Amino acid sequence: MAGRELKSKRTEKLYSIRTKVVLLFLVFVLPLNILFIFTTYYATNLLKDQALYSNRNTLKVYSNNIDYALNEIDNYLYSIIINDANFSFIQNLKYDYQHTMSKYRLFKELSNNIVRFQFIDFFYISYANSGDFFVNRANVSFDELNNIKKDIRLFCQNNNANIEWSIREISGEHYLFRNIVDANIQIGALINVRNIFNLTRCASSTYGR
């Protein structure tokens, strides 16, 4: 009888210890685990939000830079139309020495100034019944230049309209294209979209270091 009571007391004590362990787990360990899970979830979402915000800001900076660059090119083209004496001379349909020298000086001016613009790949001027000329960056291939010449010449022969910046596909490549008409002359610029992506990718890599 005494042995049974002793065994019963041991069993009750064992259950009591187990109960205390379970209670300790519920009171201390479980809340800590819940807090850890919540903190990890919150931190992960916070990092995601910060990355999204950073990427959005970076994209906005790139977009603003491109808009600024396009506006700078527009301003330059209009400054040639309004202020450049050589441009005025080639509008004259009298093809004399002065006309020829004005074309040459304008070509040199565009060639010297193309490096001022980060994105620009081509400038061109097309004038009615007297030809055209193209100015391009040094890294433009011979085939690409020929494709551009063929397309723009055909465009200028069949169109006489101001074209705001828009996408134009030429021989499988996509270009930002701008065309301005002034009397009998069309002046414009082209930017290879692929080059813009490459420049922004390089800037992104530098930014991320």
Protein backbone atom coordinates (compact mmCIF):
# COMPACT_ATOMS: atom_id res chain seq x y z
CA MET A 1 0.00 0.00 0.00
CA ALA A 2 2.79 2.37 0.95
CA GLY A 3 4.58 1.45 -2.28
CA ARG A 4 1.57 2.35 -4.36
CA GLU A 5 1.26 5.74 -2.66
CA LEU A 6 4.94 6.43 -3.24
CA LYS A 7 4.64 5.48 -6.90
CA SER A 8 1.58 7.65 -7.24
CA LYS A 9 3.38 10.61 -5.71
CA ARG A 10 6.33 10.12 -8.10
CA THR A 11 3.95 10.02 -11.05
CA GLU A 12 2.21 13.17 -9.89
CA LYS A 13 5.58 14.87 -9.41
CA LEU A 14 6.66 13.81 -12.91
CA TYR A 15 3.45 15.14 -14.42
CA SER A 16 3.92 18.31 -12.41
CA ILE A 17 7.45 18.81 -13.83
CA ARG A 18 6.20 18.18 -17.37
CA THR A 19 3.41 20.62 -16.83
CA LYS A 20 5.83 23.26 -15.62
CA VAL A 21 8.11 22.68 -18.63
CA VAL A 22 5.17 23.01 -20.99
CA LEU A 23 4.00 26.13 -19.21
CA LEU A 24 7.50 27.62 -19.35
CA PHE A 25 7.63 26.87 -23.07
CA LEU A 26 4.25 28.50 -23.64
CA VAL A 27 5.12 31.52 -21.52
CA PHE A 28 8.67 32.22 -22.73
CA VAL A 29 9.82 30.20 -25.71
CA LEU A 30 6.70 30.32 -27.87
CA PRO A 31 6.29 34.12 -27.69
CA LEU A 32 9.98 34.54 -28.52
CA ASN A 33 9.57 32.33 -31.58
CA ILE A 34 6.48 34.23 -32.64
CA LEU A 35 8.35 37.52 -32.14
CA PHE A 36 11.31 36.20 -34.16
CA ILE A 37 9.03 35.08 -37.01
CA PHE A 38 7.23 38.43 -37.02
CA THR A 39 10.50 40.40 -36.91
CA THR A 40 11.95 38.36 -39.77
CA TYR A 41 8.78 38.85 -41.84
CA TYR A 42 8.74 42.58 -41.11
CA ALA A 43 12.45 43.00 -41.91
CA THR A 44 12.05 41.07 -45.18
CA ASN A 45 9.13 43.23 -46.27
CA LEU A 46 11.00 46.37 -45.22
CA LEU A 47 14.00 45.38 -47.33
CA LYS A 48 11.71 44.63 -50.28
CA ASP A 49 10.02 48.02 -49.91
CA GLN A 50 13.38 49.79 -49.68
CA ALA A 51 14.68 47.96 -52.77
CA LEU A 52 11.49 48.79 -54.68
CA TYR A 53 11.70 52.44 -53.60
CA SER A 54 15.37 52.61 -54.56
CA ASN A 55 14.74 51.03 -57.97
CA ARG A 56 11.81 53.35 -58.58
CA ASN A 57 13.93 56.38 -57.73
CA THR A 58 16.78 55.13 -59.92
CA LEU A 59 14.37 54.60 -62.82
CA LYS A 60 12.97 58.08 -62.30
CA VAL A 61 16.49 59.56 -62.37
CA TYR A 62 17.26 57.73 -65.64
CA SER A 63 13.96 58.85 -67.13
CA ASN A 64 14.59 62.47 -66.16
CA ASN A 65 18.12 62.29 -67.58
CA ILE A 66 16.82 60.98 -70.90
CA ASP A 67 14.11 63.68 -71.04
CA TYR A 68 16.73 66.31 -70.29
CA ALA A 69 19.05 64.94 -73.01
CA LEU A 70 16.24 64.96 -75.60
CA ASN A 71 15.35 68.55 -74.70
CA GLU A 72 19.01 69.55 -75.06
CA ILE A 73 19.12 68.02 -78.54
CA ASP A 74 15.88 69.82 -79.48
CA ASN A 75 17.31 73.14 -78.28
CA TYR A 76 20.50 72.56 -80.26
CA LEU A 77 18.64 71.74 -83.49
CA TYR A 78 16.42 74.81 -83.14
CA SER A 79 19.44 77.00 -82.38
CA ILE A 80 20.93 75.90 -85.71
CA ILE A 81 17.71 76.73 -87.54
CA ILE A 82 17.35 80.15 -85.90
CA ASN A 83 20.92 81.34 -85.39
CA ASP A 84 23.28 79.52 -87.72
CA ALA A 85 24.23 81.56 -90.80
CA ASN A 86 25.42 78.44 -92.64
CA PHE A 87 22.00 76.87 -92.26
CA SER A 88 20.43 80.00 -93.74
CA PHE A 89 22.81 79.93 -96.71
CA ILE A 90 22.02 76.33 -97.66
CA GLN A 91 18.32 77.21 -97.70
CA ASN A 92 19.15 79.37 -100.70
CA LEU A 93 18.54 77.31 -103.84
CA LYS A 94 21.39 79.09 -105.64
CA TYR A 95 24.10 76.42 -105.65
CA ASP A 96 27.30 78.44 -105.75
CA TYR A 97 30.61 78.46 -103.87
CA GLN A 98 29.02 80.10 -100.82
CA HIS A 99 26.37 77.39 -100.73
CA THR A 100 28.99 74.63 -100.93
CA MET A 101 31.16 76.17 -98.22
CA SER A 102 28.13 76.66 -95.95
CA LYS A 103 27.31 72.95 -96.25
CA TYR A 104 30.90 72.07 -95.39
CA ARG A 105 31.04 74.41 -92.36
CA LEU A 106 27.69 73.12 -91.07
CA PHE A 107 28.88 69.54 -91.47
CA LYS A 108 32.03 70.34 -89.47
CA GLU A 109 30.00 72.10 -86.80
CA LEU A 110 27.69 69.10 -86.33
CA SER A 111 30.68 66.73 -86.34
CA ASN A 112 32.39 68.74 -83.59
CA ASN A 113 29.26 69.08 -81.48
CA ILE A 114 27.89 65.54 -81.61
CA VAL A 115 30.25 64.53 -78.79
CA ARG A 116 28.51 67.05 -76.51
CA PHE A 117 25.45 64.83 -76.33
CA GLN A 118 25.55 61.64 -74.31
CA PHE A 119 23.01 59.61 -76.28
CA ILE A 120 23.01 60.97 -79.83
CA ASP A 121 24.18 58.65 -82.63
CA PHE A 122 23.26 60.60 -85.79
CA PHE A 123 22.53 64.09 -86.99
CA TYR A 124 21.29 64.62 -90.52
CA ILE A 125 20.26 67.46 -92.80
CA SER A 126 18.24 66.87 -95.97
CA TYR A 127 17.54 69.70 -98.39
CA ALA A 128 15.20 69.59 -101.36
CA ASN A 129 16.75 68.69 -104.71
CA SER A 130 20.33 69.14 -103.49
CA GLY A 131 21.16 66.10 -101.41
CA ASP A 132 21.84 65.58 -97.74
CA PHE A 133 24.57 64.75 -95.27
CA PHE A 134 24.84 62.68 -92.12
CA VAL A 135 27.00 63.07 -89.04
CA ASN A 136 27.54 60.04 -86.79
CA ARG A 137 29.59 58.91 -83.82
CA ALA A 138 32.86 57.13 -84.51
CA ASN A 139 31.58 53.81 -83.09
CA VAL A 140 28.78 53.52 -85.69
CA SER A 141 29.40 50.70 -88.16
CA PHE A 142 29.51 51.18 -91.93
CA ASP A 143 26.44 48.96 -92.41
CA GLU A 144 24.43 50.81 -89.77
CA LEU A 145 25.28 54.16 -91.34
CA ASN A 146 24.20 52.94 -94.78
CA ASN A 147 20.91 51.59 -93.38
CA ILE A 148 20.24 54.94 -91.70
CA LYS A 149 21.01 56.89 -94.87
CA LYS A 150 18.67 54.77 -97.00
CA ASP A 151 15.81 54.99 -94.52
CA ILE A 152 16.07 58.72 -93.78
CA ARG A 153 16.48 59.64 -97.47
CA LEU A 154 13.33 57.68 -98.29
CA PHE A 155 11.52 59.27 -95.37
CA CYS A 156 12.50 62.82 -96.38
CA GLN A 157 11.51 62.21 -100.00
CA ASN A 158 8.02 61.08 -98.97
CA ASN A 159 7.39 63.26 -95.93
CA ASN A 160 7.67 66.90 -95.04
CA ALA A 161 6.46 66.99 -91.46
CA ASN A 162 7.74 67.75 -88.00
CA ILE A 163 8.08 64.50 -86.05
CA GLU A 164 8.37 64.67 -82.29
CA TRP A 165 10.60 62.11 -80.57
CA SER A 166 9.22 58.70 -81.51
CA ILE A 167 10.39 55.13 -82.06
CA ARG A 168 11.48 54.22 -85.59
CA GLU A 169 12.60 50.73 -86.64
CA ILE A 170 15.42 50.61 -89.19
CA SER A 171 16.85 47.26 -90.32
CA GLY A 172 15.90 45.53 -87.08
CA GLU A 173 17.27 48.28 -84.84
CA HIS A 174 15.05 50.68 -82.90
CA TYR A 175 15.85 54.38 -82.79
CA LEU A 176 14.48 57.46 -81.11
CA PHE A 177 13.80 59.70 -84.10
CA ARG A 178 13.33 63.47 -84.34
CA ASN A 179 12.64 65.43 -87.52
CA ILE A 180 12.20 69.21 -87.86
CA VAL A 181 11.12 70.93 -91.06
CA ASP A 182 12.17 74.49 -91.89
CA ALA A 183 11.18 75.70 -95.36
CA ASN A 184 12.90 73.36 -97.84
CA ILE A 185 15.22 71.72 -95.28
CA GLN A 186 14.71 68.88 -92.84
CA ILE A 187 17.07 68.50 -89.89
CA GLY A 188 16.96 65.73 -87.35
CA ALA A 189 18.62 63.26 -85.03
CA LEU A 190 18.54 59.56 -84.20
CA ILE A 191 19.44 57.67 -81.03
CA ASN A 192 19.88 53.90 -80.98
CA VAL A 193 17.65 52.63 -78.15
CA ARG A 194 20.06 49.77 -77.46
CA ASN A 195 22.80 52.27 -76.65
CA ILE A 196 20.55 54.00 -74.12
CA PHE A 197 19.96 50.67 -72.38
CA ASN A 198 23.69 49.94 -72.34
CA LEU A 199 24.49 53.34 -70.84
CA THR A 200 21.81 53.02 -68.14
CA ARG A 201 22.95 49.46 -67.36
CA CYS A 202 26.52 50.68 -66.87
CA ALA A 203 25.27 53.51 -64.67
CA SER A 204 23.19 51.04 -62.66
CA SER A 205 26.21 48.76 -62.14
CA THR A 206 28.29 51.69 -60.97
CA TYR A 207 25.48 52.88 -58.71
CA GLY A 208 25.10 49.45 -57.15
CA ARG A 209 28.76 49.12 -56.07
